[in-house]
C-alpha cells in the first residue's frame, strides 16, 4: 500500500468521523467518506493500545493493509476509509481479518462483486 493511498493527518481522520458514515461488526468499525475529486481510495488505520502491545498492533495494521491490497480491484474508489480495530482482532489471523473486513465493506455497500474467474 503506497503512501498516497493512506490517510495520515489528524484533520483528515476527524473529517471522516464527522462527515463520513460508519459501518461496524464485532471486529471493525469502518468510516466511509466520499471524496468525488479523488481517483483512488485511501485508508486510515486506528488500532488502540487496548488491542495489545506494539507487535500485535503493527501485525493487525499489516493484515488490514494486506487485506485492502487483495481487495483493491473490488473496493469502490473515490472514498476515504478509516478502519478502527476492536478487541477481538488481536486473536485473529490474516484470513479471518480479511473475511471480517470484507463483511463490513459489503454492509457499507462499497465492495463490488468478484469477477467469475476470481476465487477467494
PDB file of N, CA and C in Angstrom:
ATOM      1  N   UNK A   1       0.845  -1.184   0.000  1.00  0.00           N
ATOM      2  CA  UNK A   1       0.000   0.000   0.000  1.00  0.00           C
ATOM      3  C   UNK A   1       0.887   1.243   0.000  1.00  0.00           C
ATOM      4  N   UNK A   2       0.821   2.000  -1.083  1.00  0.00           N
ATOM      5  CA  UNK A   2       1.671   3.185  -1.214  1.00  0.00           C
ATOM      6  C   UNK A   2       1.207   4.298  -0.283  1.00  0.00           C
ATOM      7  N   UNK A   3       2.133   5.215   0.017  1.00  0.00           N
ATOM      8  CA  UNK A   3       1.857   6.302   0.952  1.00  0.00           C
ATOM      9  C   UNK A   3       0.677   7.175   0.517  1.00  0.00           C
ATOM     10  N   UNK A   4       0.533   7.406  -0.799  1.00  0.00           N
ATOM     11  CA  UNK A   4      -0.561   8.284  -1.251  1.00  0.00           C
ATOM     12  C   UNK A   4      -1.936   7.638  -1.081  1.00  0.00           C
ATOM     13  N   UNK A   5      -1.967   6.345  -0.752  1.00  0.00           N
ATOM     14  CA  UNK A   5      -3.238   5.663  -0.510  1.00  0.00           C
ATOM     15  C   UNK A   5      -3.588   5.616   0.978  1.00  0.00           C
ATOM     16  N   UNK A   6      -2.862   6.392   1.794  1.00  0.00           N
ATOM     17  CA  UNK A   6      -3.097   6.363   3.233  1.00  0.00           C
ATOM     18  C   UNK A   6      -3.580   7.714   3.747  1.00  0.00           C
ATOM     19  N   UNK A   7      -4.459   7.670   4.736  1.00  0.00           N
ATOM     20  CA  UNK A   7      -4.898   8.873   5.440  1.00  0.00           C
ATOM     21  C   UNK A   7      -3.961   9.002   6.633  1.00  0.00           C
ATOM     22  N   UNK A   8      -3.279  10.129   6.738  1.00  0.00           N
ATOM     23  CA  UNK A   8      -2.280  10.288   7.796  1.00  0.00           C
ATOM     24  C   UNK A   8      -2.629  11.393   8.803  1.00  0.00           C
ATOM     25  N   UNK A   9      -3.157  12.497   8.294  1.00  0.00           N
ATOM     26  CA  UNK A   9      -3.332  13.683   9.143  1.00  0.00           C
ATOM     27  C   UNK A   9      -4.551  13.559  10.058  1.00  0.00           C
ATOM     28  N   UNK A  10      -4.391  14.043  11.280  1.00  0.00           N
ATOM     29  CA  UNK A  10      -5.458  14.016  12.264  1.00  0.00           C
ATOM     30  C   UNK A  10      -6.701  14.741  11.737  1.00  0.00           C
ATOM     31  N   UNK A  11      -6.485  15.848  11.024  1.00  0.00           N
ATOM     32  CA  UNK A  11      -7.593  16.627  10.471  1.00  0.00           C
ATOM     33  C   UNK A  11      -8.442  15.775   9.521  1.00  0.00           C
ATOM     34  N   UNK A  12      -7.766  14.947   8.717  1.00  0.00           N
ATOM     35  CA  UNK A  12      -8.474  14.080   7.762  1.00  0.00           C
ATOM     36  C   UNK A  12      -9.260  12.986   8.493  1.00  0.00           C
ATOM     37  N   UNK A  13      -8.680  12.453   9.574  1.00  0.00           N
ATOM     38  CA  UNK A  13      -9.386  11.463  10.390  1.00  0.00           C
ATOM     39  C   UNK A  13     -10.647  12.097  10.985  1.00  0.00           C
ATOM     40  N   UNK A  14     -10.495  13.284  11.564  1.00  0.00           N
ATOM     41  CA  UNK A  14     -11.624  13.967  12.208  1.00  0.00           C
ATOM     42  C   UNK A  14     -12.728  14.277  11.213  1.00  0.00           C
ATOM     43  N   UNK A  15     -12.346  14.671  10.003  1.00  0.00           N
ATOM     44  CA  UNK A  15     -13.325  14.964   8.956  1.00  0.00           C
ATOM     45  C   UNK A  15     -14.130  13.706   8.619  1.00  0.00           C
ATOM     46  N   UNK A  16     -13.444  12.570   8.524  1.00  0.00           N
ATOM     47  CA  UNK A  16     -14.121  11.304   8.230  1.00  0.00           C
ATOM     48  C   UNK A  16     -15.072  10.921   9.371  1.00  0.00           C
ATOM     49  N   UNK A  17     -14.653  11.160  10.615  1.00  0.00           N
ATOM     50  CA  UNK A  17     -15.507  10.834  11.757  1.00  0.00           C
ATOM     51  C   UNK A  17     -16.764  11.706  11.764  1.00  0.00           C
ATOM     52  N   UNK A  18     -16.600  12.995  11.429  1.00  0.00           N
ATOM     53  CA  UNK A  18     -17.730  13.932  11.479  1.00  0.00           C
ATOM     54  C   UNK A  18     -18.660  13.789  10.285  1.00  0.00           C
ATOM     55  N   UNK A  19     -18.092  13.718   9.076  1.00  0.00           N
ATOM     56  CA  UNK A  19     -18.904  13.764   7.853  1.00  0.00           C
ATOM     57  C   UNK A  19     -19.162  12.393   7.235  1.00  0.00           C
ATOM     58  N   UNK A  20     -18.363  11.405   7.606  1.00  0.00           N
ATOM     59  CA  UNK A  20     -18.490  10.086   6.995  1.00  0.00           C
ATOM     60  C   UNK A  20     -19.586   9.243   7.630  1.00  0.00           C
ATOM     61  N   UNK A  21     -19.897   8.132   6.981  1.00  0.00           N
ATOM     62  CA  UNK A  21     -20.870   7.169   7.518  1.00  0.00           C
ATOM     63  C   UNK A  21     -20.091   6.009   8.132  1.00  0.00           C
ATOM     64  N   UNK A  22     -20.589   5.477   9.243  1.00  0.00           N
ATOM     65  CA  UNK A  22     -19.881   4.374   9.892  1.00  0.00           C
ATOM     66  C   UNK A  22     -20.645   3.065   9.727  1.00  0.00           C
ATOM     67  N   UNK A  23     -19.878   2.001   9.590  1.00  0.00           N
ATOM     68  CA  UNK A  23     -20.412   0.651   9.466  1.00  0.00           C
ATOM     69  C   UNK A  23     -19.558  -0.223  10.365  1.00  0.00           C
ATOM     70  N   UNK A  24     -20.193  -1.207  11.020  1.00  0.00           N
ATOM     71  CA  UNK A  24     -19.423  -1.981  12.001  1.00  0.00           C
ATOM     72  C   UNK A  24     -19.861  -3.438  12.070  1.00  0.00           C
ATOM     73  N   UNK A  25     -18.925  -4.271  12.532  1.00  0.00           N
ATOM     74  CA  UNK A  25     -19.244  -5.611  13.003  1.00  0.00           C
ATOM     75  C   UNK A  25     -18.465  -5.780  14.298  1.00  0.00           C
ATOM     76  N   UNK A  26     -18.328  -6.994  14.790  1.00  0.00           N
ATOM     77  CA  UNK A  26     -17.662  -7.169  16.084  1.00  0.00           C
ATOM     78  C   UNK A  26     -16.180  -6.810  16.063  1.00  0.00           C
ATOM     79  N   UNK A  27     -15.534  -6.958  14.908  1.00  0.00           N
ATOM     80  CA  UNK A  27     -14.089  -6.768  14.839  1.00  0.00           C
ATOM     81  C   UNK A  27     -13.661  -5.375  14.371  1.00  0.00           C
ATOM     82  N   UNK A  28     -14.467  -4.738  13.532  1.00  0.00           N
ATOM     83  CA  UNK A  28     -14.051  -3.469  12.934  1.00  0.00           C
ATOM     84  C   UNK A  28     -15.181  -2.454  12.895  1.00  0.00           C
ATOM     85  N   UNK A  29     -14.786  -1.171  12.943  1.00  0.00           N
ATOM     86  CA  UNK A  29     -15.671  -0.062  12.606  1.00  0.00           C
ATOM     87  C   UNK A  29     -15.014   0.592  11.399  1.00  0.00           C
ATOM     88  N   UNK A  30     -15.773   0.822  10.343  1.00  0.00           N
ATOM     89  CA  UNK A  30     -15.226   1.453   9.145  1.00  0.00           C
ATOM     90  C   UNK A  30     -16.028   2.712   8.859  1.00  0.00           C
ATOM     91  N   UNK A  31     -15.327   3.846   8.797  1.00  0.00           N
ATOM     92  CA  UNK A  31     -15.943   5.105   8.390  1.00  0.00           C
ATOM     93  C   UNK A  31     -15.656   5.298   6.912  1.00  0.00           C
ATOM     94  N   UNK A  32     -16.697   5.632   6.145  1.00  0.00           N
ATOM     95  CA  UNK A  32     -16.555   5.859   4.708  1.00  0.00           C
ATOM     96  C   UNK A  32     -16.898   7.310   4.429  1.00  0.00           C
ATOM     97  N   UNK A  33     -15.942   8.029   3.855  1.00  0.00           N
ATOM     98  CA  UNK A  33     -16.146   9.430   3.487  1.00  0.00           C
ATOM     99  C   UNK A  33     -15.973   9.564   1.984  1.00  0.00           C
ATOM    100  N   UNK A  34     -17.030  10.007   1.313  1.00  0.00           N
ATOM    101  CA  UNK A  34     -16.971  10.150  -0.148  1.00  0.00           C
ATOM    102  C   UNK A  34     -16.129  11.357  -0.525  1.00  0.00           C
ATOM    103  N   UNK A  35     -15.210  11.151  -1.476  1.00  0.00           N
ATOM    104  CA  UNK A  35     -14.374  12.228  -1.999  1.00  0.00           C
ATOM    105  C   UNK A  35     -14.408  12.126  -3.518  1.00  0.00           C
ATOM    106  N   UNK A  36     -15.282  12.885  -4.134  1.00  0.00           N
ATOM    107  CA  UNK A  36     -15.508  12.777  -5.582  1.00  0.00           C
ATOM    108  C   UNK A  36     -14.258  13.098  -6.398  1.00  0.00           C
ATOM    109  N   UNK A  37     -13.470  14.063  -5.933  1.00  0.00           N
ATOM    110  CA  UNK A  37     -12.299  14.504  -6.715  1.00  0.00           C
ATOM    111  C   UNK A  37     -11.137  13.507  -6.686  1.00  0.00           C
ATOM    112  N   UNK A  38     -11.247  12.499  -5.830  1.00  0.00           N
ATOM    113  CA  UNK A  38     -10.177  11.523  -5.645  1.00  0.00           C
ATOM    114  C   UNK A  38     -10.352  10.349  -6.619  1.00  0.00           C
ATOM    115  N   UNK A  39      -9.304  10.010  -7.372  1.00  0.00           N
ATOM    116  CA  UNK A  39      -9.458   8.913  -8.340  1.00  0.00           C
ATOM    117  C   UNK A  39      -9.217   7.539  -7.726  1.00  0.00           C
ATOM    118  N   UNK A  40      -8.554   7.476  -6.574  1.00  0.00           N
ATOM    119  CA  UNK A  40      -8.358   6.181  -5.913  1.00  0.00           C
ATOM    120  C   UNK A  40      -8.879   6.276  -4.478  1.00  0.00           C
ATOM    121  N   UNK A  41      -8.853   5.164  -3.755  1.00  0.00           N
ATOM    122  CA  UNK A  41      -9.293   5.210  -2.363  1.00  0.00           C
ATOM    123  C   UNK A  41      -8.088   5.323  -1.446  1.00  0.00           C
ATOM    124  N   UNK A  42      -8.331   5.833  -0.232  1.00  0.00           N
ATOM    125  CA  UNK A  42      -7.279   5.910   0.778  1.00  0.00           C
ATOM    126  C   UNK A  42      -7.782   5.237   2.049  1.00  0.00           C
ATOM    127  N   UNK A  43      -6.855   4.655   2.804  1.00  0.00           N
ATOM    128  CA  UNK A  43      -7.257   4.052   4.079  1.00  0.00           C
ATOM    129  C   UNK A  43      -6.463   4.664   5.229  1.00  0.00           C
ATOM    130  N   UNK A  44      -7.146   4.789   6.341  1.00  0.00           N
ATOM    131  CA  UNK A  44      -6.528   5.228   7.584  1.00  0.00           C
ATOM    132  C   UNK A  44      -6.782   4.149   8.617  1.00  0.00           C
ATOM    133  N   UNK A  45      -5.792   3.849   9.435  1.00  0.00           N
ATOM    134  CA  UNK A  45      -5.917   2.771  10.415  1.00  0.00           C
ATOM    135  C   UNK A  45      -5.803   3.305  11.828  1.00  0.00           C
ATOM    136  N   UNK A  46      -6.644   2.780  12.694  1.00  0.00           N
ATOM    137  CA  UNK A  46      -6.577   3.121  14.105  1.00  0.00           C
ATOM    138  C   UNK A  46      -6.650   1.825  14.900  1.00  0.00           C
ATOM    139  N   UNK A  47      -5.545   1.506  15.584  1.00  0.00           N
ATOM    140  CA  UNK A  47      -5.503   0.293  16.413  1.00  0.00           C
ATOM    141  C   UNK A  47      -5.089   0.726  17.816  1.00  0.00           C
ATOM    142  N   UNK A  48      -6.018   0.625  18.749  1.00  0.00           N
ATOM    143  CA  UNK A  48      -5.831   1.110  20.110  1.00  0.00           C
ATOM    144  C   UNK A  48      -4.831   0.262  20.896  1.00  0.00           C
ATOM    145  N   UNK A  49      -4.292   0.843  21.946  1.00  0.00           N
ATOM    146  CA  UNK A  49      -3.386   0.102  22.832  1.00  0.00           C
ATOM    147  C   UNK A  49      -4.121  -1.005  23.586  1.00  0.00           C
ATOM    148  N   UNK A  50      -5.443  -0.918  23.623  1.00  0.00           N
ATOM    149  CA  UNK A  50      -6.245  -1.967  24.269  1.00  0.00           C
ATOM    150  C   UNK A  50      -6.142  -3.292  23.510  1.00  0.00           C
ATOM    151  N   UNK A  51      -5.787  -3.217  22.238  1.00  0.00           N
ATOM    152  CA  UNK A  51      -5.688  -4.420  21.395  1.00  0.00           C
ATOM    153  C   UNK A  51      -4.503  -5.283  21.828  1.00  0.00           C
ATOM    154  N   UNK A  52      -3.397  -4.640  22.182  1.00  0.00           N
ATOM    155  CA  UNK A  52      -2.214  -5.395  22.593  1.00  0.00           C
ATOM    156  C   UNK A  52      -0.976  -4.527  22.530  1.00  0.00           C
ATOM    157  N   UNK A  53       0.177  -5.174  22.623  1.00  0.00           N
ATOM    158  CA  UNK A  53       1.430  -4.422  22.575  1.00  0.00           C
ATOM    159  C   UNK A  53       1.742  -3.994  21.139  1.00  0.00           C
ATOM    160  N   UNK A  54       2.840  -3.300  20.947  1.00  0.00           N
ATOM    161  CA  UNK A  54       3.185  -2.734  19.646  1.00  0.00           C
ATOM    162  C   UNK A  54       3.289  -3.801  18.559  1.00  0.00           C
ATOM    163  N   UNK A  55       3.816  -4.957  18.924  1.00  0.00           N
ATOM    164  CA  UNK A  55       3.980  -6.045  17.952  1.00  0.00           C
ATOM    165  C   UNK A  55       2.612  -6.476  17.414  1.00  0.00           C
ATOM    166  N   UNK A  56       1.671  -6.680  18.316  1.00  0.00           N
ATOM    167  CA  UNK A  56       0.326  -7.115  17.935  1.00  0.00           C
ATOM    168  C   UNK A  56      -0.366  -6.032  17.110  1.00  0.00           C
ATOM    169  N   UNK A  57      -0.265  -4.774  17.561  1.00  0.00           N
ATOM    170  CA  UNK A  57      -0.921  -3.668  16.846  1.00  0.00           C
ATOM    171  C   UNK A  57      -0.367  -3.526  15.433  1.00  0.00           C
ATOM    172  N   UNK A  58       0.944  -3.600  15.299  1.00  0.00           N
ATOM    173  CA  UNK A  58       1.551  -3.478  13.970  1.00  0.00           C
ATOM    174  C   UNK A  58       1.160  -4.646  13.073  1.00  0.00           C
ATOM    175  N   UNK A  59       1.050  -5.840  13.649  1.00  0.00           N
ATOM    176  CA  UNK A  59       0.641  -7.012  12.876  1.00  0.00           C
ATOM    177  C   UNK A  59      -0.790  -6.833  12.365  1.00  0.00           C
ATOM    178  N   UNK A  60      -1.669  -6.337  13.225  1.00  0.00           N
ATOM    179  CA  UNK A  60      -3.057  -6.090  12.816  1.00  0.00           C
ATOM    180  C   UNK A  60      -3.080  -5.082  11.668  1.00  0.00           C
ATOM    181  N   UNK A  61      -2.293  -4.013  11.780  1.00  0.00           N
ATOM    182  CA  UNK A  61      -2.252  -2.999  10.720  1.00  0.00           C
ATOM    183  C   UNK A  61      -1.729  -3.584   9.407  1.00  0.00           C
ATOM    184  N   UNK A  62      -0.712  -4.426   9.500  1.00  0.00           N
ATOM    185  CA  UNK A  62      -0.187  -5.080   8.285  1.00  0.00           C
ATOM    186  C   UNK A  62      -1.261  -5.959   7.641  1.00  0.00           C
ATOM    187  N   UNK A  63      -1.973  -6.714   8.460  1.00  0.00           N
ATOM    188  CA  UNK A  63      -3.024  -7.596   7.954  1.00  0.00           C
ATOM    189  C   UNK A  63      -4.145  -6.796   7.278  1.00  0.00           C
ATOM    190  N   UNK A  64      -4.531  -5.684   7.886  1.00  0.00           N
ATOM    191  CA  UNK A  64      -5.597  -4.852   7.311  1.00  0.00           C
ATOM    192  C   UNK A  64      -5.135  -4.265   5.978  1.00  0.00           C
ATOM    193  N   UNK A  65      -3.903  -3.745   5.946  1.00  0.00           N
ATOM    194  CA  UNK A  65      -3.367  -3.194   4.684  1.00  0.00           C
ATOM    195  C   UNK A  65      -3.314  -4.257   3.603  1.00  0.00           C
ATOM    196  N   UNK A  66      -2.845  -5.458   3.961  1.00  0.00           N
ATOM    197  CA  UNK A  66      -2.760  -6.555   3.007  1.00  0.00           C
ATOM    198  C   UNK A  66      -4.149  -6.947   2.506  1.00  0.00           C
ATOM    199  N   UNK A  67      -5.123  -6.955   3.391  1.00  0.00           N
ATOM    200  CA  UNK A  67      -6.497  -7.282   3.001  1.00  0.00           C
ATOM    201  C   UNK A  67      -7.022  -6.273   1.984  1.00  0.00           C
ATOM    202  N   UNK A  68      -6.784  -4.990   2.249  1.00  0.00           N
ATOM    203  CA  UNK A  68      -7.211  -3.956   1.298  1.00  0.00           C
ATOM    204  C   UNK A  68      -6.468  -4.115  -0.026  1.00  0.00           C
ATOM    205  N   UNK A  69      -5.204  -4.493   0.055  1.00  0.00           N
ATOM    206  CA  UNK A  69      -4.414  -4.700  -1.167  1.00  0.00           C
ATOM    207  C   UNK A  69      -5.025  -5.821  -2.012  1.00  0.00           C
ATOM    208  N   UNK A  70      -5.424  -6.909  -1.347  1.00  0.00           N
ATOM    209  CA  UNK A  70      -6.015  -8.047  -2.053  1.00  0.00           C
ATOM    210  C   UNK A  70      -7.415  -7.731  -2.581  1.00  0.00           C
ATOM    211  N   UNK A  71      -8.126  -6.831  -1.894  1.00  0.00           N
ATOM    212  CA  UNK A  71      -9.483  -6.459  -2.309  1.00  0.00           C
ATOM    213  C   UNK A  71      -9.501  -5.212  -3.203  1.00  0.00           C
ATOM    214  N   UNK A  72      -8.324  -4.711  -3.544  1.00  0.00           N
ATOM    215  CA  UNK A  72      -8.160  -3.450  -4.263  1.00  0.00           C
ATOM    216  C   UNK A  72      -9.064  -3.323  -5.494  1.00  0.00           C
ATOM    217  N   UNK A  73      -9.170  -4.396  -6.285  1.00  0.00           N
ATOM    218  CA  UNK A  73      -9.959  -4.355  -7.514  1.00  0.00           C
ATOM    219  C   UNK A  73     -11.448  -4.190  -7.228  1.00  0.00           C
ATOM    220  N   UNK A  74     -11.880  -4.642  -6.051  1.00  0.00           N
ATOM    221  CA  UNK A  74     -13.307  -4.648  -5.724  1.00  0.00           C
ATOM    222  C   UNK A  74     -13.764  -3.462  -4.887  1.00  0.00           C
ATOM    223  N   UNK A  75     -12.831  -2.776  -4.221  1.00  0.00           N
ATOM    224  CA  UNK A  75     -13.195  -1.667  -3.342  1.00  0.00           C
ATOM    225  C   UNK A  75     -13.496  -0.419  -4.183  1.00  0.00           C
ATOM    226  N   UNK A  76     -14.597   0.235  -3.831  1.00  0.00           N
ATOM    227  CA  UNK A  76     -15.023   1.434  -4.549  1.00  0.00           C
ATOM    228  C   UNK A  76     -13.984   2.552  -4.395  1.00  0.00           C
ATOM    229  N   UNK A  77     -13.630   3.186  -5.514  1.00  0.00           N
ATOM    230  CA  UNK A  77     -12.655   4.271  -5.464  1.00  0.00           C
ATOM    231  C   UNK A  77     -13.371   5.587  -5.146  1.00  0.00           C
ATOM    232  N   UNK A  78     -12.585   6.620  -4.885  1.00  0.00           N
ATOM    233  CA  UNK A  78     -13.158   7.934  -4.592  1.00  0.00           C
ATOM    234  C   UNK A  78     -13.651   8.071  -3.168  1.00  0.00           C
ATOM    235  N   UNK A  79     -13.161   7.226  -2.261  1.00  0.00           N
ATOM    236  CA  UNK A  79     -13.561   7.274  -0.855  1.00  0.00           C
ATOM    237  C   UNK A  79     -12.329   7.229   0.048  1.00  0.00           C
ATOM    238  N   UNK A  80     -12.497   7.772   1.250  1.00  0.00           N
ATOM    239  CA  UNK A  80     -11.533   7.553   2.328  1.00  0.00           C
ATOM    240  C   UNK A  80     -12.160   6.522   3.260  1.00  0.00           C
ATOM    241  N   UNK A  81     -11.383   5.522   3.655  1.00  0.00           N
ATOM    242  CA  UNK A  81     -11.857   4.503   4.591  1.00  0.00           C
ATOM    243  C   UNK A  81     -11.015   4.589   5.856  1.00  0.00           C
ATOM    244  N   UNK A  82     -11.676   4.830   6.983  1.00  0.00           N
ATOM    245  CA  UNK A  82     -10.995   4.817   8.274  1.00  0.00           C
ATOM    246  C   UNK A  82     -11.382   3.514   8.965  1.00  0.00           C
ATOM    247  N   UNK A  83     -10.401   2.669   9.233  1.00  0.00           N
ATOM    248  CA  UNK A  83     -10.656   1.360   9.830  1.00  0.00           C
ATOM    249  C   UNK A  83     -10.204   1.388  11.288  1.00  0.00           C
ATOM    250  N   UNK A  84     -11.148   1.121  12.182  1.00  0.00           N
ATOM    251  CA  UNK A  84     -10.837   1.062  13.609  1.00  0.00           C
ATOM    252  C   UNK A  84     -10.968  -0.385  14.051  1.00  0.00           C
ATOM    253  N   UNK A  85      -9.888  -0.930  14.570  1.00  0.00           N
ATOM    254  CA  UNK A  85      -9.886  -2.327  15.014  1.00  0.00           C
ATOM    255  C   UNK A  85     -10.441  -2.415  16.432  1.00  0.00           C
ATOM    256  N   UNK A  86     -11.235  -3.452  16.663  1.00  0.00           N
ATOM    257  CA  UNK A  86     -11.768  -3.715  18.004  1.00  0.00           C
ATOM    258  C   UNK A  86     -11.021  -4.887  18.630  1.00  0.00           C
ATOM    259  N   UNK A  87     -11.263  -5.088  19.907  1.00  0.00           N
ATOM    260  CA  UNK A  87     -10.512  -6.069  20.693  1.00  0.00           C
ATOM    261  C   UNK A  87     -10.367  -7.473  20.101  1.00  0.00           C
ATOM    262  N   UNK A  88     -11.444  -8.098  19.580  1.00  0.00           N
ATOM    263  CA  UNK A  88     -11.319  -9.488  19.097  1.00  0.00           C
ATOM    264  C   UNK A  88     -10.286  -9.679  17.982  1.00  0.00           C
ATOM    265  N   UNK A  89      -9.886  -8.590  17.327  1.00  0.00           N
ATOM    266  CA  UNK A  89      -8.937  -8.674  16.206  1.00  0.00           C
ATOM    267  C   UNK A  89      -7.590  -9.236  16.652  1.00  0.00           C
ATOM    268  N   UNK A  90      -7.214  -9.010  17.895  1.00  0.00           N
ATOM    269  CA  UNK A  90      -5.904  -9.428  18.398  1.00  0.00           C
ATOM    270  C   UNK A  90      -5.673 -10.931  18.244  1.00  0.00           C
ATOM    271  N   UNK A  91      -6.736 -11.737  18.358  1.00  0.00           N
ATOM    272  CA  UNK A  91      -6.587 -13.193  18.272  1.00  0.00           C
ATOM    273  C   UNK A  91      -6.831 -13.737  16.866  1.00  0.00           C
ATOM    274  N   UNK A  92      -7.062 -12.867  15.901  1.00  0.00           N
ATOM    275  CA  UNK A  92      -7.411 -13.323  14.553  1.00  0.00           C
ATOM    276  C   UNK A  92      -6.192 -13.417  13.644  1.00  0.00           C
ATOM    277  N   UNK A  93      -6.286 -14.329  12.683  1.00  0.00           N
ATOM    278  CA  UNK A  93      -5.235 -14.459  11.680  1.00  0.00           C
ATOM    279  C   UNK A  93      -5.565 -13.628  10.451  1.00  0.00           C
ATOM    280  N   UNK A  94      -4.676 -13.662   9.489  1.00  0.00           N
ATOM    281  CA  UNK A  94      -4.829 -12.877   8.262  1.00  0.00           C
ATOM    282  C   UNK A  94      -6.142 -13.208   7.546  1.00  0.00           C
ATOM    283  N   UNK A  95      -6.436 -14.489   7.386  1.00  0.00           N
ATOM    284  CA  UNK A  95      -7.624 -14.912   6.637  1.00  0.00           C
ATOM    285  C   UNK A  95      -8.908 -14.418   7.314  1.00  0.00           C
ATOM    286  N   UNK A  96      -8.960 -14.536   8.650  1.00  0.00           N
ATOM    287  CA  UNK A  96     -10.148 -14.103   9.401  1.00  0.00           C
ATOM    288  C   UNK A  96     -10.327 -12.596   9.319  1.00  0.00           C
ATOM    289  N   UNK A  97      -9.229 -11.864   9.397  1.00  0.00           N
ATOM    290  CA  UNK A  97      -9.297 -10.400   9.310  1.00  0.00           C
ATOM    291  C   UNK A  97      -9.823  -9.982   7.942  1.00  0.00           C
ATOM    292  N   UNK A  98      -9.332 -10.644   6.890  1.00  0.00           N
ATOM    293  CA  UNK A  98      -9.794 -10.310   5.533  1.00  0.00           C
ATOM    294  C   UNK A  98     -11.288 -10.590   5.396  1.00  0.00           C
ATOM    295  N   UNK A  99     -11.752 -11.731   5.902  1.00  0.00           N
ATOM    296  CA  UNK A  99     -13.174 -12.079   5.817  1.00  0.00           C
ATOM    297  C   UNK A  99     -14.034 -11.064   6.576  1.00  0.00           C
ATOM    298  N   UNK A 100     -13.567 -10.662   7.742  1.00  0.00           N
ATOM    299  CA  UNK A 100     -14.303  -9.713   8.559  1.00  0.00           C
ATOM    300  C   UNK A 100     -14.368  -8.337   7.878  1.00  0.00           C
ATOM    301  N   UNK A 101     -13.250  -7.900   7.323  1.00  0.00           N
ATOM    302  CA  UNK A 101     -13.218  -6.617   6.604  1.00  0.00           C
ATOM    303  C   UNK A 101     -14.133  -6.667   5.386  1.00  0.00           C
ATOM    304  N   UNK A 102     -14.079  -7.786   4.676  1.00  0.00           N
ATOM    305  CA  UNK A 102     -14.938  -7.972   3.508  1.00  0.00           C
ATOM    306  C   UNK A 102     -16.407  -7.826   3.913  1.00  0.00           C
ATOM    307  N   UNK A 103     -16.758  -8.426   5.040  1.00  0.00           N
ATOM    308  CA  UNK A 103     -18.128  -8.351   5.539  1.00  0.00           C
ATOM    309  C   UNK A 103     -18.543  -6.902   5.803  1.00  0.00           C
ATOM    310  N   UNK A 104     -17.713  -6.142   6.505  1.00  0.00           N
ATOM    311  CA  UNK A 104     -18.042  -4.749   6.825  1.00  0.00           C
ATOM    312  C   UNK A 104     -18.167  -3.919   5.544  1.00  0.00           C
ATOM    313  N   UNK A 105     -17.276  -4.144   4.594  1.00  0.00           N
ATOM    314  CA  UNK A 105     -17.321  -3.382   3.342  1.00  0.00           C
ATOM    315  C   UNK A 105     -18.566  -3.744   2.526  1.00  0.00           C
ATOM    316  N   UNK A 106     -19.012  -4.992   2.616  1.00  0.00           N
ATOM    317  CA  UNK A 106     -20.255  -5.377   1.945  1.00  0.00           C
ATOM    318  C   UNK A 106     -21.443  -4.683   2.596  1.00  0.00           C
ATOM    319  N   UNK A 107     -21.446  -4.629   3.926  1.00  0.00           N
ATOM    320  CA  UNK A 107     -22.509  -3.932   4.659  1.00  0.00           C
ATOM    321  C   UNK A 107     -22.539  -2.458   4.245  1.00  0.00           C
ATOM    322  N   UNK A 108     -21.351  -1.880   4.048  1.00  0.00           N
ATOM    323  CA  UNK A 108     -21.237  -0.475   3.648  1.00  0.00           C
ATOM    324  C   UNK A 108     -21.570  -0.263   2.167  1.00  0.00           C
ATOM    325  N   UNK A 109     -21.761  -1.371   1.442  1.00  0.00           N
ATOM    326  CA  UNK A 109     -22.068  -1.346   0.001  1.00  0.00           C
ATOM    327  C   UNK A 109     -20.992  -0.635  -0.818  1.00  0.00           C
ATOM    328  N   UNK A 110     -19.734  -0.873  -0.468  1.00  0.00           N
ATOM    329  CA  UNK A 110     -18.619  -0.284  -1.219  1.00  0.00           C
ATOM    330  C   UNK A 110     -17.739  -1.367  -1.847  1.00  0.00           C
ATOM    331  N   UNK A 111     -18.205  -2.611  -1.802  1.00  0.00           N
ATOM    332  CA  UNK A 111     -17.440  -3.726  -2.346  1.00  0.00           C
ATOM    333  C   UNK A 111     -18.159  -4.275  -3.566  1.00  0.00           C
ATOM    334  N   UNK A 112     -17.449  -4.282  -4.694  1.00  0.00           N
ATOM    335  CA  UNK A 112     -18.049  -4.821  -5.920  1.00  0.00           C
ATOM    336  C   UNK A 112     -18.015  -6.341  -5.869  1.00  0.00           C
ATOM    337  N   UNK A 113     -18.886  -6.965  -6.635  1.00  0.00           N
ATOM    338  CA  UNK A 113     -18.916  -8.425  -6.702  1.00  0.00           C
ATOM    339  C   UNK A 113     -17.630  -8.939  -7.347  1.00  0.00           C
ATOM    340  N   UNK A 114     -17.109 -10.101  -6.884  1.00  0.00           N
ATOM    341  CA  UNK A 114     -15.915 -10.654  -7.522  1.00  0.00           C
ATOM    342  C   UNK A 114     -16.233 -11.118  -8.946  1.00  0.00           C
ATOM    343  N   UNK A 115     -15.254 -11.019  -9.809  1.00  0.00           N
ATOM    344  CA  UNK A 115     -15.433 -11.488 -11.191  1.00  0.00           C
ATOM    345  C   UNK A 115     -15.539 -13.012 -11.187  1.00  0.00           C
ATOM    346  N   UNK A 116     -16.124 -13.588 -12.230  1.00  0.00           N
ATOM    347  CA  UNK A 116     -16.371 -15.034 -12.305  1.00  0.00           C
ATOM    348  C   UNK A 116     -15.096 -15.856 -12.123  1.00  0.00           C
ATOM    349  N   UNK A 117     -13.970 -15.366 -12.656  1.00  0.00           N
ATOM    350  CA  UNK A 117     -12.707 -16.105 -12.596  1.00  0.00           C
ATOM    351  C   UNK A 117     -12.007 -16.011 -11.249  1.00  0.00           C
ATOM    352  N   UNK A 118     -12.364 -15.015 -10.425  1.00  0.00           N
ATOM    353  CA  UNK A 118     -11.693 -14.806  -9.146  1.00  0.00           C
ATOM    354  C   UNK A 118     -12.150 -15.838  -8.113  1.00  0.00           C
ATOM    355  N   UNK A 119     -11.207 -16.295  -7.313  1.00  0.00           N
ATOM    356  CA  UNK A 119     -11.525 -17.187  -6.210  1.00  0.00           C
ATOM    357  C   UNK A 119     -10.908 -16.657  -4.934  1.00  0.00           C
ATOM    358  N   UNK A 120     -11.601 -16.826  -3.843  1.00  0.00           N
ATOM    359  CA  UNK A 120     -11.075 -16.353  -2.548  1.00  0.00           C
ATOM    360  C   UNK A 120     -10.516 -17.490  -1.751  1.00  0.00           C
TER     361      UNK A 120
END
